[in-house]
Amino acid sequence: MRTSFPQGGITKNHIQGKIKKWKRKWTYYILHNLLWKPKFDWNQNENRLVVKNEV
């Protein structure tokens, strides 16, 4: 990165922060979309996704 963008000021921490943000964002969207499907549900007591056996 430093070779390609010497004035960019991009560090390892910047890249790791972006990756973490993307993972959180995509995990949220995946869970959100699954919960709209009829065979998926959310267990409030255990804070986890519940899937019916036929899936």
PDB file of N, CA and C in Angstrom:
ATOM      1  N   MET A   1       0.830  -1.185   0.000  1.00  0.00           N
ATOM      2  CA  MET A   1       0.000   0.000   0.000  1.00  0.00           C
ATOM      3  C   MET A   1       0.878   1.254   0.000  1.00  0.00           C
ATOM      4  N   ARG A   2       1.897   1.240   0.823  1.00  0.00           N
ATOM      5  CA  ARG A   2       2.757   2.429   0.892  1.00  0.00           C
ATOM      6  C   ARG A   2       3.456   2.692  -0.432  1.00  0.00           C
ATOM      7  N   THR A   3       3.823   1.606  -1.128  1.00  0.00           N
ATOM      8  CA  THR A   3       4.490   1.758  -2.418  1.00  0.00           C
ATOM      9  C   THR A   3       3.531   2.333  -3.447  1.00  0.00           C
ATOM     10  N   SER A   4       2.310   1.827  -3.468  1.00  0.00           N
ATOM     11  CA  SER A   4       1.330   2.282  -4.455  1.00  0.00           C
ATOM     12  C   SER A   4       0.761   3.657  -4.124  1.00  0.00           C
ATOM     13  N   PHE A   5       0.586   3.952  -2.839  1.00  0.00           N
ATOM     14  CA  PHE A   5      -0.016   5.219  -2.405  1.00  0.00           C
ATOM     15  C   PHE A   5       0.845   5.856  -1.307  1.00  0.00           C
ATOM     16  N   PRO A   6       1.999   6.403  -1.676  1.00  0.00           N
ATOM     17  CA  PRO A   6       2.910   6.928  -0.649  1.00  0.00           C
ATOM     18  C   PRO A   6       2.336   8.092   0.154  1.00  0.00           C
ATOM     19  N   GLN A   7       1.433   8.874  -0.411  1.00  0.00           N
ATOM     20  CA  GLN A   7       0.848  10.012   0.297  1.00  0.00           C
ATOM     21  C   GLN A   7      -0.527   9.681   0.886  1.00  0.00           C
ATOM     22  N   GLY A   8      -0.946   8.438   0.786  1.00  0.00           N
ATOM     23  CA  GLY A   8      -2.290   8.063   1.188  1.00  0.00           C
ATOM     24  C   GLY A   8      -2.543   8.046   2.683  1.00  0.00           C
ATOM     25  N   GLY A   9      -1.535   7.771   3.470  1.00  0.00           N
ATOM     26  CA  GLY A   9      -1.713   7.721   4.916  1.00  0.00           C
ATOM     27  C   GLY A   9      -2.534   6.525   5.379  1.00  0.00           C
ATOM     28  N   ILE A  10      -2.653   5.510   4.551  1.00  0.00           N
ATOM     29  CA  ILE A  10      -3.428   4.321   4.903  1.00  0.00           C
ATOM     30  C   ILE A  10      -2.528   3.369   5.682  1.00  0.00           C
ATOM     31  N   THR A  11      -3.004   2.955   6.844  1.00  0.00           N
ATOM     32  CA  THR A  11      -2.221   2.048   7.675  1.00  0.00           C
ATOM     33  C   THR A  11      -2.937   0.713   7.815  1.00  0.00           C
ATOM     34  N   LYS A  12      -2.258  -0.208   8.428  1.00  0.00           N
ATOM     35  CA  LYS A  12      -2.824  -1.534   8.699  1.00  0.00           C
ATOM     36  C   LYS A  12      -4.097  -1.405   9.541  1.00  0.00           C
ATOM     37  N   ASN A  13      -4.084  -0.498  10.506  1.00  0.00           N
ATOM     38  CA  ASN A  13      -5.250  -0.302  11.378  1.00  0.00           C
ATOM     39  C   ASN A  13      -6.456   0.214  10.601  1.00  0.00           C
ATOM     40  N   HIS A  14      -6.235   1.086   9.613  1.00  0.00           N
ATOM     41  CA  HIS A  14      -7.336   1.569   8.774  1.00  0.00           C
ATOM     42  C   HIS A  14      -7.997   0.407   8.034  1.00  0.00           C
ATOM     43  N   ILE A  15      -7.170  -0.440   7.467  1.00  0.00           N
ATOM     44  CA  ILE A  15      -7.687  -1.575   6.692  1.00  0.00           C
ATOM     45  C   ILE A  15      -8.422  -2.552   7.601  1.00  0.00           C
ATOM     46  N   GLN A  16      -7.842  -2.869   8.756  1.00  0.00           N
ATOM     47  CA  GLN A  16      -8.502  -3.788   9.690  1.00  0.00           C
ATOM     48  C   GLN A  16      -9.822  -3.220  10.182  1.00  0.00           C
ATOM     49  N   GLY A  17      -9.881  -1.919  10.417  1.00  0.00           N
ATOM     50  CA  GLY A  17     -11.123  -1.283  10.856  1.00  0.00           C
ATOM     51  C   GLY A  17     -12.213  -1.385   9.795  1.00  0.00           C
ATOM     52  N   LYS A  18     -11.841  -1.157   8.535  1.00  0.00           N
ATOM     53  CA  LYS A  18     -12.810  -1.273   7.438  1.00  0.00           C
ATOM     54  C   LYS A  18     -13.333  -2.698   7.320  1.00  0.00           C
ATOM     55  N   ILE A  19     -12.442  -3.679   7.436  1.00  0.00           N
ATOM     56  CA  ILE A  19     -12.853  -5.085   7.331  1.00  0.00           C
ATOM     57  C   ILE A  19     -13.839  -5.425   8.449  1.00  0.00           C
ATOM     58  N   LYS A  20     -13.560  -4.987   9.671  1.00  0.00           N
ATOM     59  CA  LYS A  20     -14.479  -5.245  10.793  1.00  0.00           C
ATOM     60  C   LYS A  20     -15.840  -4.607  10.535  1.00  0.00           C
ATOM     61  N   LYS A  21     -15.830  -3.376  10.029  1.00  0.00           N
ATOM     62  CA  LYS A  21     -17.085  -2.668   9.753  1.00  0.00           C
ATOM     63  C   LYS A  21     -17.881  -3.406   8.686  1.00  0.00           C
ATOM     64  N   TRP A  22     -17.219  -3.847   7.615  1.00  0.00           N
ATOM     65  CA  TRP A  22     -17.901  -4.584   6.544  1.00  0.00           C
ATOM     66  C   TRP A  22     -18.480  -5.892   7.060  1.00  0.00           C
ATOM     67  N   LYS A  23     -17.728  -6.599   7.912  1.00  0.00           N
ATOM     68  CA  LYS A  23     -18.226  -7.866   8.461  1.00  0.00           C
ATOM     69  C   LYS A  23     -19.474  -7.639   9.297  1.00  0.00           C
ATOM     70  N   ARG A  24     -19.465  -6.600  10.144  1.00  0.00           N
ATOM     71  CA  ARG A  24     -20.649  -6.301  10.959  1.00  0.00           C
ATOM     72  C   ARG A  24     -21.829  -5.939  10.070  1.00  0.00           C
ATOM     73  N   LYS A  25     -21.587  -5.115   9.075  1.00  0.00           N
ATOM     74  CA  LYS A  25     -22.654  -4.667   8.184  1.00  0.00           C
ATOM     75  C   LYS A  25     -23.261  -5.850   7.444  1.00  0.00           C
ATOM     76  N   TRP A  26     -22.434  -6.698   6.842  1.00  0.00           N
ATOM     77  CA  TRP A  26     -22.947  -7.816   6.057  1.00  0.00           C
ATOM     78  C   TRP A  26     -23.583  -8.875   6.936  1.00  0.00           C
ATOM     79  N   THR A  27     -23.058  -9.084   8.142  1.00  0.00           N
ATOM     80  CA  THR A  27     -23.681 -10.033   9.067  1.00  0.00           C
ATOM     81  C   THR A  27     -25.087  -9.553   9.418  1.00  0.00           C
ATOM     82  N   TYR A  28     -25.236  -8.256   9.674  1.00  0.00           N
ATOM     83  CA  TYR A  28     -26.561  -7.700   9.978  1.00  0.00           C
ATOM     84  C   TYR A  28     -27.513  -7.913   8.806  1.00  0.00           C
ATOM     85  N   TYR A  29     -27.078  -7.593   7.595  1.00  0.00           N
ATOM     86  CA  TYR A  29     -27.951  -7.730   6.423  1.00  0.00           C
ATOM     87  C   TYR A  29     -28.329  -9.189   6.169  1.00  0.00           C
ATOM     88  N   ILE A  30     -27.392 -10.097   6.356  1.00  0.00           N
ATOM     89  CA  ILE A  30     -27.692 -11.521   6.156  1.00  0.00           C
ATOM     90  C   ILE A  30     -28.738 -11.975   7.165  1.00  0.00           C
ATOM     91  N   LEU A  31     -28.539 -11.640   8.454  1.00  0.00           N
ATOM     92  CA  LEU A  31     -29.516 -12.025   9.481  1.00  0.00           C
ATOM     93  C   LEU A  31     -30.869 -11.365   9.227  1.00  0.00           C
ATOM     94  N   HIS A  32     -30.856 -10.113   8.872  1.00  0.00           N
ATOM     95  CA  HIS A  32     -32.103  -9.396   8.593  1.00  0.00           C
ATOM     96  C   HIS A  32     -32.880 -10.080   7.468  1.00  0.00           C
ATOM     97  N   ASN A  33     -32.202 -10.437   6.406  1.00  0.00           N
ATOM     98  CA  ASN A  33     -32.863 -11.095   5.275  1.00  0.00           C
ATOM     99  C   ASN A  33     -33.351 -12.493   5.634  1.00  0.00           C
ATOM    100  N   LEU A  34     -32.596 -13.227   6.431  1.00  0.00           N
ATOM    101  CA  LEU A  34     -33.035 -14.564   6.846  1.00  0.00           C
ATOM    102  C   LEU A  34     -34.288 -14.492   7.710  1.00  0.00           C
ATOM    103  N   LEU A  35     -34.351 -13.504   8.581  1.00  0.00           N
ATOM    104  CA  LEU A  35     -35.497 -13.405   9.486  1.00  0.00           C
ATOM    105  C   LEU A  35     -36.786 -13.058   8.761  1.00  0.00           C
ATOM    106  N   TRP A  36     -36.727 -12.578   7.542  1.00  0.00           N
ATOM    107  CA  TRP A  36     -37.919 -12.320   6.752  1.00  0.00           C
ATOM    108  C   TRP A  36     -38.433 -13.590   6.089  1.00  0.00           C
ATOM    109  N   LYS A  37     -37.638 -14.645   6.111  1.00  0.00           N
ATOM    110  CA  LYS A  37     -38.045 -15.916   5.516  1.00  0.00           C
ATOM    111  C   LYS A  37     -38.897 -16.686   6.533  1.00  0.00           C
ATOM    112  N   PRO A  38     -39.894 -17.432   6.085  1.00  0.00           N
ATOM    113  CA  PRO A  38     -40.833 -18.065   7.019  1.00  0.00           C
ATOM    114  C   PRO A  38     -40.239 -19.168   7.899  1.00  0.00           C
ATOM    115  N   LYS A  39     -39.141 -19.769   7.518  1.00  0.00           N
ATOM    116  CA  LYS A  39     -38.609 -20.894   8.295  1.00  0.00           C
ATOM    117  C   LYS A  39     -37.481 -20.496   9.238  1.00  0.00           C
ATOM    118  N   PHE A  40     -37.261 -19.201   9.412  1.00  0.00           N
ATOM    119  CA  PHE A  40     -36.231 -18.700  10.308  1.00  0.00           C
ATOM    120  C   PHE A  40     -36.883 -17.834  11.374  1.00  0.00           C
ATOM    121  N   ASP A  41     -36.328 -17.893  12.585  1.00  0.00           N
ATOM    122  CA  ASP A  41     -36.875 -17.104  13.685  1.00  0.00           C
ATOM    123  C   ASP A  41     -35.727 -16.715  14.606  1.00  0.00           C
ATOM    124  N   TRP A  42     -35.991 -15.787  15.521  1.00  0.00           N
ATOM    125  CA  TRP A  42     -34.982 -15.324  16.466  1.00  0.00           C
ATOM    126  C   TRP A  42     -35.405 -15.703  17.874  1.00  0.00           C
ATOM    127  N   ASN A  43     -34.513 -16.346  18.625  1.00  0.00           N
ATOM    128  CA  ASN A  43     -34.773 -16.723  20.005  1.00  0.00           C
ATOM    129  C   ASN A  43     -34.267 -15.591  20.900  1.00  0.00           C
ATOM    130  N   GLN A  44     -35.183 -14.844  21.517  1.00  0.00           N
ATOM    131  CA  GLN A  44     -34.813 -13.695  22.354  1.00  0.00           C
ATOM    132  C   GLN A  44     -34.044 -14.108  23.605  1.00  0.00           C
ATOM    133  N   ASN A  45     -34.394 -15.262  24.184  1.00  0.00           N
ATOM    134  CA  ASN A  45     -33.762 -15.698  25.426  1.00  0.00           C
ATOM    135  C   ASN A  45     -32.298 -16.083  25.216  1.00  0.00           C
ATOM    136  N   GLU A  46     -32.004 -16.721  24.088  1.00  0.00           N
ATOM    137  CA  GLU A  46     -30.642 -17.191  23.822  1.00  0.00           C
ATOM    138  C   GLU A  46     -29.890 -16.303  22.827  1.00  0.00           C
ATOM    139  N   ASN A  47     -30.574 -15.287  22.278  1.00  0.00           N
ATOM    140  CA  ASN A  47     -29.974 -14.380  21.289  1.00  0.00           C
ATOM    141  C   ASN A  47     -29.314 -15.139  20.142  1.00  0.00           C
ATOM    142  N   ARG A  48     -30.107 -15.980  19.503  1.00  0.00           N
ATOM    143  CA  ARG A  48     -29.587 -16.726  18.370  1.00  0.00           C
ATOM    144  C   ARG A  48     -30.682 -17.011  17.345  1.00  0.00           C
ATOM    145  N   LEU A  49     -30.232 -17.345  16.164  1.00  0.00           N
ATOM    146  CA  LEU A  49     -31.114 -17.668  15.052  1.00  0.00           C
ATOM    147  C   LEU A  49     -31.632 -19.095  15.220  1.00  0.00           C
ATOM    148  N   VAL A  50     -32.929 -19.295  14.982  1.00  0.00           N
ATOM    149  CA  VAL A  50     -33.539 -20.620  15.073  1.00  0.00           C
ATOM    150  C   VAL A  50     -34.035 -20.983  13.675  1.00  0.00           C
ATOM    151  N   VAL A  51     -33.682 -22.209  13.240  1.00  0.00           N
ATOM    152  CA  VAL A  51     -34.063 -22.669  11.914  1.00  0.00           C
ATOM    153  C   VAL A  51     -34.905 -23.920  12.064  1.00  0.00           C
ATOM    154  N   LYS A  52     -36.010 -23.997  11.334  1.00  0.00           N
ATOM    155  CA  LYS A  52     -36.859 -25.184  11.397  1.00  0.00           C
ATOM    156  C   LYS A  52     -36.130 -26.375  10.779  1.00  0.00           C
ATOM    157  N   ASN A  53     -36.456 -27.570  11.254  1.00  0.00           N
ATOM    158  CA  ASN A  53     -35.752 -28.790  10.838  1.00  0.00           C
ATOM    159  C   ASN A  53     -35.790 -29.059   9.334  1.00  0.00           C
ATOM    160  N   GLU A  54     -36.873 -28.703   8.677  1.00  0.00           N
ATOM    161  CA  GLU A  54     -36.967 -29.016   7.240  1.00  0.00           C
ATOM    162  C   GLU A  54     -36.008 -28.205   6.376  1.00  0.00           C
ATOM    163  N   VAL A  55     -35.462 -27.148   6.938  1.00  0.00           N
ATOM    164  CA  VAL A  55     -34.501 -26.332   6.185  1.00  0.00           C
ATOM    165  C   VAL A  55     -33.193 -27.088   6.182  1.00  0.00           C
TER     166      VAL A  55
END
